[in-house]
C-alpha atoms as a PDB file:
ATOM      1  CA  MET A   1      74.099  31.358 -20.487  1.00  0.00           C
ATOM      2  CA  MET A   2      75.382  29.547 -23.760  1.00  0.00           C
ATOM      3  CA  LEU A   3      78.870  29.811 -24.221  1.00  0.00           C
ATOM      4  CA  GLN A   4      80.007  29.068 -28.150  1.00  0.00           C
ATOM      5  CA  GLY A   5      83.498  29.162 -30.027  1.00  0.00           C
ATOM      6  CA  PHE A   6      86.925  28.149 -28.372  1.00  0.00           C
ATOM      7  CA  ILE A   7      87.203  28.901 -24.670  1.00  0.00           C
ATOM      8  CA  ALA A   8      90.871  28.581 -23.574  1.00  0.00           C
ATOM      9  CA  ALA A   9      91.730  27.192 -20.199  1.00  0.00           C
ATOM     10  CA  PRO A  10      94.924  29.366 -19.543  1.00  0.00           C
ATOM     11  CA  HIS A  11      97.853  28.713 -17.636  1.00  0.00           C
ATOM     12  CA  THR A  12      98.434  30.157 -14.494  1.00  0.00           C
ATOM     13  CA  PRO A  13     101.749  32.215 -14.738  1.00  0.00           C
ATOM     14  CA  PHE A  14     104.339  31.483 -12.087  1.00  0.00           C
ATOM     15  CA  LYS A  15     107.523  33.497 -11.520  1.00  0.00           C
ATOM     16  CA  SER A  16     110.708  31.709 -11.304  1.00  0.00           C
ATOM     17  CA  ASP A  17     110.492  31.317  -7.447  1.00  0.00           C
ATOM     18  CA  GLY A  18     107.089  29.869  -7.922  1.00  0.00           C
ATOM     19  CA  SER A  19     104.989  32.898  -6.548  1.00  0.00           C
ATOM     20  CA  LEU A  20     102.104  34.322  -8.845  1.00  0.00           C
ATOM     21  CA  TRP A  21     103.165  36.342 -11.838  1.00  0.00           C
ATOM     22  CA  LEU A  22      99.558  38.216 -12.113  1.00  0.00           C
ATOM     23  CA  GLU A  23     101.073  40.690 -14.286  1.00  0.00           C
ATOM     24  CA  GLN A  24     101.210  38.289 -17.290  1.00  0.00           C
ATOM     25  CA  VAL A  25      97.300  37.745 -17.026  1.00  0.00           C
ATOM     26  CA  ARG A  26      96.772  40.814 -19.238  1.00  0.00           C
ATOM     27  CA  VAL A  27      98.987  39.737 -21.711  1.00  0.00           C
ATOM     28  CA  GLN A  28      97.498  36.401 -21.980  1.00  0.00           C
ATOM     29  CA  ALA A  29      93.981  37.958 -22.034  1.00  0.00           C
ATOM     30  CA  GLU A  30      95.192  40.046 -25.000  1.00  0.00           C
ATOM     31  CA  HIS A  31      96.959  37.251 -26.670  1.00  0.00           C
ATOM     32  CA  LEU A  32      93.743  35.285 -26.322  1.00  0.00           C
ATOM     33  CA  THR A  33      91.347  37.852 -27.613  1.00  0.00           C
ATOM     34  CA  LYS A  34      93.724  38.339 -30.628  1.00  0.00           C
ATOM     35  CA  THR A  35      93.695  35.058 -31.849  1.00  0.00           C
ATOM     36  CA  GLY A  36      89.803  34.589 -31.648  1.00  0.00           C
ATOM     37  CA  VAL A  37      89.179  32.987 -28.316  1.00  0.00           C
ATOM     38  CA  SER A  38      85.788  33.829 -26.787  1.00  0.00           C
ATOM     39  CA  GLY A  39      86.614  33.253 -23.114  1.00  0.00           C
ATOM     40  CA  ALA A  40      89.236  31.885 -20.359  1.00  0.00           C
ATOM     41  CA  PHE A  41      88.451  28.949 -17.972  1.00  0.00           C
ATOM     42  CA  VAL A  42      90.379  30.160 -15.312  1.00  0.00           C
ATOM     43  CA  GLY A  43      92.097  28.091 -12.736  1.00  0.00           C
ATOM     44  CA  GLY A  44      91.319  24.584 -13.829  1.00  0.00           C
ATOM     45  CA  THR A  45      93.523  21.623 -14.654  1.00  0.00           C
ATOM     46  CA  THR A  46      95.999  23.587 -17.191  1.00  0.00           C
ATOM     47  CA  GLY A  47      95.543  26.262 -14.706  1.00  0.00           C
ATOM     48  CA  GLU A  48      97.166  23.975 -11.960  1.00  0.00           C
ATOM     49  CA  ALA A  49      94.436  24.654  -9.407  1.00  0.00           C
ATOM     50  CA  THR A  50      95.317  21.993  -7.056  1.00  0.00           C
ATOM     51  CA  SER A  51      98.685  23.277  -6.537  1.00  0.00           C
ATOM     52  CA  MET A  52      97.302  26.604  -5.453  1.00  0.00           C
ATOM     53  CA  THR A  53      96.033  28.032  -2.265  1.00  0.00           C
ATOM     54  CA  THR A  54      92.533  29.300  -2.079  1.00  0.00           C
ATOM     55  CA  HIS A  55      93.776  32.739  -1.590  1.00  0.00           C
ATOM     56  CA  GLU A  56      96.121  32.574  -4.866  1.00  0.00           C
ATOM     57  CA  ARG A  57      92.966  31.264  -6.684  1.00  0.00           C
ATOM     58  CA  CYS A  58      90.925  34.350  -5.637  1.00  0.00           C
ATOM     59  CA  LEU A  59      93.454  36.661  -6.675  1.00  0.00           C
ATOM     60  CA  LEU A  60      93.829  34.690 -10.167  1.00  0.00           C
ATOM     61  CA  ILE A  61      90.185  35.145 -10.857  1.00  0.00           C
ATOM     62  CA  GLN A  62      90.386  38.650  -9.929  1.00  0.00           C
ATOM     63  CA  ALA A  63      93.217  39.391 -12.118  1.00  0.00           C
ATOM     64  CA  TRP A  64      91.408  37.717 -15.029  1.00  0.00           C
ATOM     65  CA  CYS A  65      88.434  39.852 -14.091  1.00  0.00           C
ATOM     66  CA  GLU A  66      90.213  43.081 -13.946  1.00  0.00           C
ATOM     67  CA  ALA A  67      92.221  42.152 -17.131  1.00  0.00           C
ATOM     68  CA  THR A  68      89.043  41.308 -19.330  1.00  0.00           C
ATOM     69  CA  GLY A  69      86.977  44.561 -18.192  1.00  0.00           C
ATOM     70  CA  ASP A  70      87.550  46.081 -21.380  1.00  0.00           C
ATOM     71  CA  LEU A  71      87.855  42.849 -23.741  1.00  0.00           C
ATOM     72  CA  PRO A  72      84.988  40.718 -25.394  1.00  0.00           C
ATOM     73  CA  LEU A  73      86.584  37.681 -23.500  1.00  0.00           C
ATOM     74  CA  LYS A  74      83.909  35.693 -20.892  1.00  0.00           C
ATOM     75  CA  VAL A  75      85.743  34.603 -17.619  1.00  0.00           C
ATOM     76  CA  ILE A  76      84.575  31.341 -16.232  1.00  0.00           C
ATOM     77  CA  GLY A  77      86.105  31.059 -12.789  1.00  0.00           C
ATOM     78  CA  HIS A  78      87.145  27.407 -11.890  1.00  0.00           C
ATOM     79  CA  VAL A  79      86.156  27.317  -7.830  1.00  0.00           C
ATOM     80  CA  GLY A  80      86.392  23.108  -7.514  1.00  0.00           C
ATOM     81  CA  HIS A  81      88.167  22.069  -4.332  1.00  0.00           C
ATOM     82  CA  ASN A  82      88.410  19.150  -2.180  1.00  0.00           C
ATOM     83  CA  CYS A  83      87.236  21.066   0.635  1.00  0.00           C
ATOM     84  CA  GLN A  84      83.619  22.264   0.142  1.00  0.00           C
ATOM     85  CA  HIS A  85      83.933  25.259   2.234  1.00  0.00           C
ATOM     86  CA  ASP A  86      86.920  26.527   0.668  1.00  0.00           C
ATOM     87  CA  ALA A  87      84.980  25.838  -3.141  1.00  0.00           C
ATOM     88  CA  ILE A  88      82.491  28.415  -1.579  1.00  0.00           C
ATOM     89  CA  THR A  89      84.852  31.003  -0.586  1.00  0.00           C
ATOM     90  CA  ILE A  90      86.224  30.832  -4.256  1.00  0.00           C
ATOM     91  CA  ALA A  91      82.797  30.691  -5.610  1.00  0.00           C
ATOM     92  CA  LYS A  92      81.522  34.096  -3.476  1.00  0.00           C
ATOM     93  CA  PHE A  93      84.697  35.640  -4.484  1.00  0.00           C
ATOM     94  CA  ALA A  94      84.354  34.989  -8.299  1.00  0.00           C
ATOM     95  CA  GLU A  95      80.928  36.133  -8.112  1.00  0.00           C
ATOM     96  CA  GLU A  96      81.845  39.469  -6.229  1.00  0.00           C
ATOM     97  CA  GLN A  97      84.486  39.959  -8.914  1.00  0.00           C
ATOM     98  CA  GLY A  98      82.010  39.854 -11.843  1.00  0.00           C
ATOM     99  CA  ALA A  99      83.078  36.493 -13.291  1.00  0.00           C
ATOM    100  CA  ASP A 100      80.690  35.678 -16.154  1.00  0.00           C
ATOM    101  CA  ALA A 101      80.289  32.157 -14.602  1.00  0.00           C
ATOM    102  CA  ILE A 102      81.723  29.516 -12.326  1.00  0.00           C
ATOM    103  CA  SER A 103      82.666  25.985 -12.321  1.00  0.00           C
ATOM    104  CA  ALA A 104      83.657  23.114 -10.515  1.00  0.00           C
ATOM    105  CA  PHE A 105      84.839  19.586 -10.584  1.00  0.00           C
ATOM    106  CA  ALA A 106      84.200  16.662  -8.404  1.00  0.00           C
ATOM    107  CA  PRO A 107      86.177  16.344  -4.849  1.00  0.00           C
ATOM    108  CA  ASN A 108      88.730  13.415  -5.823  1.00  0.00           C
ATOM    109  CA  TYR A 109      90.142  12.540  -2.343  1.00  0.00           C
ATOM    110  CA  PHE A 110      87.195  11.243  -0.842  1.00  0.00           C
ATOM    111  CA  ARG A 111      85.189  10.628  -4.059  1.00  0.00           C
ATOM    112  CA  PRO A 112      81.155  11.141  -4.260  1.00  0.00           C
ATOM    113  CA  GLY A 113      79.675   7.626  -4.591  1.00  0.00           C
ATOM    114  CA  SER A 114      76.513   8.183  -6.212  1.00  0.00           C
ATOM    115  CA  LEU A 115      74.892  11.252  -8.046  1.00  0.00           C
ATOM    116  CA  ASP A 116      72.913  12.209  -4.800  1.00  0.00           C
ATOM    117  CA  ASP A 117      76.517  12.679  -2.890  1.00  0.00           C
ATOM    118  CA  LEU A 118      77.621  14.770  -5.832  1.00  0.00           C
ATOM    119  CA  ILE A 119      74.518  16.960  -6.247  1.00  0.00           C
ATOM    120  CA  HIS A 120      74.735  17.384  -2.286  1.00  0.00           C
ATOM    121  CA  PHE A 121      78.588  18.504  -2.382  1.00  0.00           C
ATOM    122  CA  LEU A 122      77.681  20.917  -5.423  1.00  0.00           C
ATOM    123  CA  GLN A 123      74.578  22.665  -4.201  1.00  0.00           C
ATOM    124  CA  PRO A 124      76.111  24.900  -1.405  1.00  0.00           C
ATOM    125  CA  ILE A 125      78.795  26.076  -3.806  1.00  0.00           C
ATOM    126  CA  ALA A 126      76.493  27.152  -6.873  1.00  0.00           C
ATOM    127  CA  ASN A 127      74.045  28.511  -4.276  1.00  0.00           C
ATOM    128  CA  ASN A 128      76.410  30.886  -2.691  1.00  0.00           C
ATOM    129  CA  ALA A 129      76.992  32.375  -5.791  1.00  0.00           C
ATOM    130  CA  PRO A 130      73.671  32.738  -7.266  1.00  0.00           C
ATOM    131  CA  SER A 131      74.157  35.403  -9.979  1.00  0.00           C
ATOM    132  CA  CYS A 132      76.787  33.175 -11.410  1.00  0.00           C
ATOM    133  CA  PRO A 133      75.701  30.483 -13.999  1.00  0.00           C
ATOM    134  CA  PHE A 134      77.453  27.356 -12.988  1.00  0.00           C
ATOM    135  CA  TYR A 135      79.024  24.809 -14.808  1.00  0.00           C
ATOM    136  CA  PHE A 136      79.808  21.187 -13.427  1.00  0.00           C
ATOM    137  CA  TYR A 137      83.544  20.018 -14.931  1.00  0.00           C
ATOM    138  CA  ASP A 138      83.178  16.411 -15.386  1.00  0.00           C
ATOM    139  CA  ILE A 139      86.739  15.300 -15.718  1.00  0.00           C
ATOM    140  CA  PRO A 140      86.655  11.725 -14.716  1.00  0.00           C
ATOM    141  CA  SER A 141      89.995  11.065 -16.000  1.00  0.00           C
ATOM    142  CA  MET A 142      91.717  13.320 -13.183  1.00  0.00           C
ATOM    143  CA  THR A 143      88.936  12.838 -10.561  1.00  0.00           C
ATOM    144  CA  GLY A 144      88.138   9.192 -10.879  1.00  0.00           C
ATOM    145  CA  VAL A 145      84.490  10.196 -10.378  1.00  0.00           C
ATOM    146  CA  HIS A 146      82.447   8.089 -13.064  1.00  0.00           C
ATOM    147  CA  LEU A 147      78.635   9.348 -12.952  1.00  0.00           C
ATOM    148  CA  PRO A 148      75.753   9.724 -15.360  1.00  0.00           C
ATOM    149  CA  MET A 149      75.881  13.207 -16.486  1.00  0.00           C
ATOM    150  CA  PRO A 150      72.335  12.758 -18.330  1.00  0.00           C
ATOM    151  CA  GLU A 151      70.733  12.055 -15.077  1.00  0.00           C
ATOM    152  CA  LEU A 152      72.686  15.129 -13.608  1.00  0.00           C
ATOM    153  CA  LEU A 153      71.150  17.317 -15.914  1.00  0.00           C
ATOM    154  CA  LYS A 154      67.564  15.992 -16.020  1.00  0.00           C
ATOM    155  CA  ARG A 155      67.642  16.488 -11.944  1.00  0.00           C
ATOM    156  CA  ALA A 156      69.431  19.958 -12.423  1.00  0.00           C
ATOM    157  CA  ALA A 157      66.185  21.982 -12.651  1.00  0.00           C
ATOM    158  CA  ASP A 158      64.955  21.237  -9.252  1.00  0.00           C
ATOM    159  CA  GLU A 159      68.266  20.415  -7.430  1.00  0.00           C
ATOM    160  CA  LEU A 160      71.063  22.746  -9.132  1.00  0.00           C
ATOM    161  CA  PRO A 161      68.680  25.727 -10.276  1.00  0.00           C
ATOM    162  CA  THR A 162      71.895  27.820 -11.496  1.00  0.00           C
ATOM    163  CA  LEU A 163      73.321  24.919 -13.586  1.00  0.00           C
ATOM    164  CA  ALA A 164      74.430  26.429 -17.178  1.00  0.00           C
ATOM    165  CA  GLY A 165      75.750  22.948 -18.329  1.00  0.00           C
ATOM    166  CA  LEU A 166      78.740  20.874 -18.152  1.00  0.00           C
ATOM    167  CA  LYS A 167      82.349  21.203 -19.285  1.00  0.00           C
ATOM    168  CA  ALA A 168      82.762  17.723 -20.596  1.00  0.00           C
ATOM    169  CA  THR A 169      86.305  16.604 -20.826  1.00  0.00           C
ATOM    170  CA  THR A 170      85.352  12.660 -21.784  1.00  0.00           C
ATOM    171  CA  ASP A 171      85.776  10.316 -24.686  1.00  0.00           C
ATOM    172  CA  ASP A 172      82.405   8.703 -23.581  1.00  0.00           C
ATOM    173  CA  LEU A 173      80.601   9.772 -26.992  1.00  0.00           C
ATOM    174  CA  MET A 174      77.380   7.780 -26.079  1.00  0.00           C
ATOM    175  CA  SER A 175      77.058   9.878 -22.814  1.00  0.00           C
ATOM    176  CA  LEU A 176      77.665  13.114 -24.667  1.00  0.00           C
ATOM    177  CA  GLN A 177      75.173  12.197 -26.889  1.00  0.00           C
ATOM    178  CA  GLU A 178      72.801  11.519 -24.326  1.00  0.00           C
ATOM    179  CA  CYS A 179      73.673  14.970 -22.615  1.00  0.00           C
ATOM    180  CA  LEU A 180      73.139  16.945 -25.779  1.00  0.00           C
ATOM    181  CA  GLU A 181      69.788  15.437 -26.279  1.00  0.00           C
ATOM    182  CA  GLN A 182      68.831  15.862 -22.376  1.00  0.00           C
ATOM    183  CA  ALA A 183      70.320  19.596 -22.423  1.00  0.00           C
ATOM    184  CA  GLY A 184      68.268  20.762 -25.425  1.00  0.00           C
ATOM    185  CA  ASP A 185      68.077  24.720 -25.703  1.00  0.00           C
ATOM    186  CA  GLN A 186      68.366  24.440 -21.750  1.00  0.00           C
ATOM    187  CA  TYR A 187      71.869  23.602 -21.130  1.00  0.00           C
ATOM    188  CA  ASN A 188      75.209  24.289 -22.593  1.00  0.00           C
ATOM    189  CA  ILE A 189      77.632  21.449 -23.214  1.00  0.00           C
ATOM    190  CA  LEU A 190      81.130  22.492 -23.827  1.00  0.00           C
ATOM    191  CA  PHE A 191      83.774  19.968 -25.073  1.00  0.00           C
ATOM    192  CA  GLY A 192      86.957  19.300 -23.126  1.00  0.00           C
ATOM    193  CA  MET A 193      89.129  17.155 -25.514  1.00  0.00           C
ATOM    194  CA  ASP A 194      90.825  19.397 -28.202  1.00  0.00           C
ATOM    195  CA  GLU A 195      92.423  16.290 -30.076  1.00  0.00           C
ATOM    196  CA  ILE A 196      89.280  14.832 -30.876  1.00  0.00           C
ATOM    197  CA  LEU A 197      86.935  18.008 -31.369  1.00  0.00           C
ATOM    198  CA  LEU A 198      86.103  16.958 -34.922  1.00  0.00           C
ATOM    199  CA  THR A 199      84.350  14.058 -33.688  1.00  0.00           C
ATOM    200  CA  VAL A 200      81.758  15.735 -31.802  1.00  0.00           C
ATOM    201  CA  LEU A 201      80.910  18.711 -34.176  1.00  0.00           C
ATOM    202  CA  PRO A 202      78.487  16.591 -36.181  1.00  0.00           C
ATOM    203  CA  LEU A 203      76.675  15.770 -32.872  1.00  0.00           C
ATOM    204  CA  GLY A 204      76.204  19.544 -32.286  1.00  0.00           C
ATOM    205  CA  ILE A 205      78.956  20.608 -29.834  1.00  0.00           C
ATOM    206  CA  ARG A 206      79.346  24.509 -30.323  1.00  0.00           C
ATOM    207  CA  GLY A 207      81.762  25.552 -27.533  1.00  0.00           C
ATOM    208  CA  ALA A 208      84.675  23.920 -26.695  1.00  0.00           C
ATOM    209  CA  VAL A 209      87.207  24.577 -23.347  1.00  0.00           C
ATOM    210  CA  GLY A 210      90.777  23.174 -23.717  1.00  0.00           C
ATOM    211  CA  SER A 211      94.507  23.927 -23.294  1.00  0.00           C
ATOM    212  CA  THR A 212      95.929  23.863 -26.711  1.00  0.00           C
ATOM    213  CA  TYR A 213      93.229  26.969 -27.667  1.00  0.00           C
ATOM    214  CA  ASN A 214      96.066  28.832 -25.491  1.00  0.00           C
ATOM    215  CA  PHE A 215      98.602  28.599 -28.290  1.00  0.00           C
ATOM    216  CA  ALA A 216      96.927  26.810 -31.341  1.00  0.00           C
ATOM    217  CA  THR A 217      93.435  28.479 -31.824  1.00  0.00           C
ATOM    218  CA  PRO A 218      94.311  29.383 -35.591  1.00  0.00           C
ATOM    219  CA  LEU A 219      94.535  25.545 -36.333  1.00  0.00           C
ATOM    220  CA  TYR A 220      91.306  24.768 -34.673  1.00  0.00           C
ATOM    221  CA  LEU A 221      89.683  27.999 -36.510  1.00  0.00           C
ATOM    222  CA  ASP A 222      90.566  26.419 -39.632  1.00  0.00           C
ATOM    223  CA  LEU A 223      89.227  22.917 -38.652  1.00  0.00           C
ATOM    224  CA  LEU A 224      85.958  24.650 -37.773  1.00  0.00           C
ATOM    225  CA  GLU A 225      85.667  26.593 -41.373  1.00  0.00           C
ATOM    226  CA  ALA A 226      86.565  23.419 -43.130  1.00  0.00           C
ATOM    227  CA  PHE A 227      83.975  21.639 -41.352  1.00  0.00           C
ATOM    228  CA  ASN A 228      81.419  24.328 -41.610  1.00  0.00           C
ATOM    229  CA  ARG A 229      81.903  24.448 -45.603  1.00  0.00           C
ATOM    230  CA  GLN A 230      81.611  20.549 -45.753  1.00  0.00           C
ATOM    231  CA  ASP A 231      85.483  20.099 -46.494  1.00  0.00           C
ATOM    232  CA  PHE A 232      85.763  16.918 -44.427  1.00  0.00           C
ATOM    233  CA  SER A 233      89.063  16.093 -46.008  1.00  0.00           C
ATOM    234  CA  THR A 234      90.960  19.306 -45.044  1.00  0.00           C
ATOM    235  CA  ALA A 235      89.046  19.132 -41.562  1.00  0.00           C
ATOM    236  CA  ARG A 236      90.450  15.661 -41.017  1.00  0.00           C
ATOM    237  CA  ARG A 237      93.898  16.776 -41.770  1.00  0.00           C
ATOM    238  CA  LEU A 238      93.746  19.427 -39.378  1.00  0.00           C
ATOM    239  CA  GLN A 239      92.687  17.510 -37.060  1.00  0.00           C
ATOM    240  CA  LEU A 240      95.342  14.981 -37.165  1.00  0.00           C
ATOM    241  CA  ALA A 241      97.842  18.010 -36.906  1.00  0.00           C
ATOM    242  CA  SER A 242      95.996  18.547 -33.520  1.00  0.00           C
ATOM    243  CA  VAL A 243      96.871  15.130 -32.642  1.00  0.00           C
ATOM    244  CA  GLU A 244     100.291  15.208 -33.572  1.00  0.00           C
ATOM    245  CA  MET A 245     100.785  18.247 -31.553  1.00  0.00           C
ATOM    246  CA  VAL A 246      99.118  17.009 -28.824  1.00  0.00           C
ATOM    247  CA  ARG A 247     101.298  13.599 -28.702  1.00  0.00           C
ATOM    248  CA  CYS A 248     104.439  15.883 -29.265  1.00  0.00           C
ATOM    249  CA  LEU A 249     103.823  17.870 -25.787  1.00  0.00           C
ATOM    250  CA  ALA A 250     102.884  14.825 -24.327  1.00  0.00           C
ATOM    251  CA  ARG A 251     106.332  12.991 -25.000  1.00  0.00           C
ATOM    252  CA  PHE A 252     108.056  16.189 -23.045  1.00  0.00           C
ATOM    253  CA  ASP A 253     105.336  15.998 -20.160  1.00  0.00           C
ATOM    254  CA  PHE A 254     102.270  18.002 -21.486  1.00  0.00           C
ATOM    255  CA  LEU A 255     102.139  20.619 -18.775  1.00  0.00           C
ATOM    256  CA  PRO A 256     105.577  22.283 -18.662  1.00  0.00           C
ATOM    257  CA  ALA A 257     105.751  21.571 -22.432  1.00  0.00           C
ATOM    258  CA  ALA A 258     102.676  23.512 -23.140  1.00  0.00           C
ATOM    259  CA  LYS A 259     103.922  26.397 -20.909  1.00  0.00           C
ATOM    260  CA  TYR A 260     107.259  26.410 -23.286  1.00  0.00           C
ATOM    261  CA  ALA A 261     104.897  26.517 -26.127  1.00  0.00           C
ATOM    262  CA  MET A 262     103.444  29.613 -25.116  1.00  0.00           C
ATOM    263  CA  SER A 263     106.827  31.232 -24.330  1.00  0.00           C
ATOM    264  CA  LEU A 264     107.544  30.479 -28.149  1.00  0.00           C
ATOM    265  CA  ILE A 265     104.557  32.473 -29.450  1.00  0.00           C
ATOM    266  CA  GLY A 266     105.712  35.372 -27.094  1.00  0.00           C
ATOM    267  CA  VAL A 267     103.762  34.767 -24.107  1.00  0.00           C
ATOM    268  CA  ASP A 268     105.532  33.699 -21.367  1.00  0.00           C
ATOM    269  CA  CYS A 269     103.733  32.004 -18.481  1.00  0.00           C
ATOM    270  CA  GLY A 270     106.631  31.210 -16.317  1.00  0.00           C
ATOM    271  CA  ILE A 271     107.285  27.859 -14.497  1.00  0.00           C
ATOM    272  CA  CYS A 272     105.045  24.999 -13.366  1.00  0.00           C
ATOM    273  CA  ARG A 273     104.532  23.988  -9.876  1.00  0.00           C
ATOM    274  CA  PRO A 274     105.859  20.637  -8.116  1.00  0.00           C
ATOM    275  CA  PRO A 275     105.071  17.983  -8.687  1.00  0.00           C
ATOM    276  CA  ALA A 276     105.370  18.956 -12.447  1.00  0.00           C
ATOM    277  CA  ARG A 277     109.016  19.081 -13.358  1.00  0.00           C
ATOM    278  CA  ASN A 278     109.967  21.980 -15.942  1.00  0.00           C
ATOM    279  CA  LEU A 279     112.002  21.440 -19.024  1.00  0.00           C
ATOM    280  CA  THR A 280     115.805  21.588 -19.331  1.00  0.00           C
ATOM    281  CA  SER A 281     117.776  23.750 -21.606  1.00  0.00           C
ATOM    282  CA  ALA A 282     118.233  20.751 -23.714  1.00  0.00           C
ATOM    283  CA  LYS A 283     114.842  19.610 -23.542  1.00  0.00           C
ATOM    284  CA  LYS A 284     113.493  22.845 -24.621  1.00  0.00           C
ATOM    285  CA  GLN A 285     115.441  22.877 -27.803  1.00  0.00           C
ATOM    286  CA  GLU A 286     114.271  19.654 -28.480  1.00  0.00           C
ATOM    287  CA  LEU A 287     110.873  20.422 -28.137  1.00  0.00           C
ATOM    288  CA  LYS A 288     110.983  23.594 -30.355  1.00  0.00           C
ATOM    289  CA  ALA A 289     112.677  21.498 -32.999  1.00  0.00           C
ATOM    290  CA  ALA A 290     109.755  18.692 -32.596  1.00  0.00           C
ATOM    291  CA  LEU A 291     107.219  21.523 -32.851  1.00  0.00           C
ATOM    292  CA  GLU A 292     108.935  23.112 -36.006  1.00  0.00           C
ATOM    293  CA  GLN A 293     109.084  19.699 -37.698  1.00  0.00           C
ATOM    294  CA  ILE A 294     105.142  19.459 -37.260  1.00  0.00           C
ATOM    295  CA  GLY A 295     104.547  22.772 -38.687  1.00  0.00           C
ATOM    296  CA  PHE A 296     103.386  24.422 -35.138  1.00  0.00           C
ATOM    297  CA  PHE A 297     104.925  27.884 -36.310  1.00  0.00           C
ATOM    298  CA  ARG A 298     103.973  27.579 -40.065  1.00  0.00           C
ATOM    299  CA  TRP A 299     100.223  27.458 -39.720  1.00  0.00           C
ATOM    300  CA  GLN A 300     100.238  30.058 -37.200  1.00  0.00           C
ATOM    301  CA  SER A 301     102.069  32.381 -39.321  1.00  0.00           C
ATOM    302  CA  GLU A 302      99.538  31.512 -42.564  1.00  0.00           C
ATOM    303  CA  ARG A 303      96.526  32.061 -40.341  1.00  0.00           C
ATOM    304  CA  ARG A 304      97.781  35.800 -39.483  1.00  0.00           C
ATOM    305  CA  ALA A 305      98.519  36.101 -42.925  1.00  0.00           C
ATOM    306  CA  ASN A 306      95.077  35.387 -44.115  1.00  0.00           C
END
């Protein structure tokens, strides 16, 4: 399975009381489709997976599979969990619901100390959803697990037969190049750092998963078009706009700020769960002004006009 284009990591919508707001999933899915996104990586870091129960995560994947039944949007269900049994439960459920693929990150409390440990943990998760292509979600900045991904790809044919590729959320470009070389045409490497997308396009990356593709896909589509026509000056300018946007959101606490940005473009995803702190009314107004200053609203409208 080769996923390409921009794949959003959608926010999980929560009502003001913190309960799931699954009615909004269809709104999210339609928005992503209209803006040119090719898939949804459901229930990952941006989706606040670790702040949800196993049952809630299953309900979320079910809602996305149902909401995208008539849409050209691939659903990758993130099933990673510190508890292997719960990860298996979610993986089985995702397969039953018709998810196009599943993914899992490494456990991050009792961490695997070797590639053998990681593969031993992942095998039953992938094997219990045999019809679903499996992507390992490598995000060492969050899990604290730093293991050689090129070696994982080398061993996958024998030890993880349903592996389709990696979601590589890392700025280790040396390792990324080695992964791409090892992957060849057999595995799909998806890049997970929106703010440095331009640095990996020359390496051969053709698919990307990220949080800002929820609300900034027009910017990245313009960037990709500029790169493809070898207008590197424009591509660099657009990547800098991405950097400015990410830094702006980070100043206000990225996750709640990004959720508020969604509401500004008409897709309300509600609140964040603790320990994330939601923005005050004053902070929301400050963030809106800051986004306007860097052109957040302008380039979205310009893309739609074109």
